Amino acid sequence: MDKTIETIEGEIPASVMQAFAEQSQEPPREGDIVEGTVLALDRARLYIDLPPFGTGVIYGREYMNAREVIKRTNVGDTVAAKVISPATKDGYIELSLKEARQALVWAEAEEAVKNKLQLELLVKEANKGGLIIDWQGLSGFLPASQLKAEHYPRVPDADKDKILEELRKLVGTKLVVSIIGASPKEGKLIFSEKGLDDKEKRELISNYQVGDAVSGEITGMVDFGAFVKLEEGLEGLVHISEIDWGLVDDPRHFFKVGDKVKVKIIDIKDGKVSLSVKALKDNPWQLASGKYNKGDKVEGVVIKFNKHGALASIEEGIAGLVHVSEFGPEDSLRRNLELGKRYPFTISLFDPKEMRMALSYGGDKK
């Protein structure tokens, strides 16, 4: 049996694994997804080779949680696992197969949302609000409002008990659905049976042009952005990079399903409509071009750490990178700079056209 990237059931698309594989350029940290070759199975421990960083181990509770997968795993197989601890007392990297599986499936769910992938899935249960459908080991919800007309329960006076009775008739049947919402943090997966054929969609899209400013309603939230309904049957995506000029870590901090928003159409391609919220706001980098110069002394608030250093906000929408090399080890950077605190900096690079700024720390280093 081909064990390349064990997934319990189904296969994870290469594009999803590629995103996780990019983490392998630096030593693995807690929460990272890593990939390695099974070295040995000994005394309820599974050892995985993770060159050049050492050996991973799955044991204890994590071993018990994944024992069904481990039964089907052989020496030499390639598996994906999630880092639980970068270093045990024995010098191993502690791993979890089960948590890796969940992370990969949620990533695949977001890919399915993005690509409007259609799936034929079995209806497992029904409740007064809709249907419960399982996909890749996850349970998702299909609201009654997202059923096609032929499946929608048409009940006099909207009697909830009668609605449930009608919905139960769909249990055990297969429906062609798409995933319209995936929230790994909340464990929510939302399906829809509604869809349009290409001709209908093209007719709707023909009413819009790139550059149009339109109103819409937020219909779905994912880690990479928000879906906006422009009219019945037509949605567009506001990518996370198009939500605001400032740093956006989580689109859910800006919108929730049901919100009314004003958006600008920035691209129409292959039946997909790309939208922007920030394009309707003044670009702060253009406004800042006459305010700042290389060598200026400024103050900034540390808003994020990444593998390159610390990001400090100078004003709304304008942030610069303080490179970790200025401090040496990463722990030295974090000793000197704390999230949410304001510090003095010197602008060492300022390119408003490319929206880039580099900063040098102006305080005393610890």
Foldseek 3Di string as FASTA:
>chain_A
DAQAAPQPDDDFDPVLVVVLDVVLVDQDAAFRKAKFFFADQDDLKTWTDNPPLGIEIEHDPLSVVCVVVVVVDDGGHMYIWGFHHSQDPVGHTYTHRVVRSLVRVLSSLVVQQVVVDKDWWAFAAAALQATWTDDSNAIAGEGLVQEPPVQRDDDPPSPSVSNRVSRRVRHGPIATWTWNEGDSVVSYTYIHRDADDPVVLVVVCVVDDAFDKAKFFFAYFDQQFTWTDRDVRDIATEGQPQEALADDRGNVVPDDGGDMAIWGFHDADPSHTYIHRHVVPDQVLVVCPVPDDAFDKAKFAFADADPQATWTHRDGSAIAGEGCVLQPDRVQRCVFHPHGDMFIWGWHDRDSVVSYTHTYGDDDGD
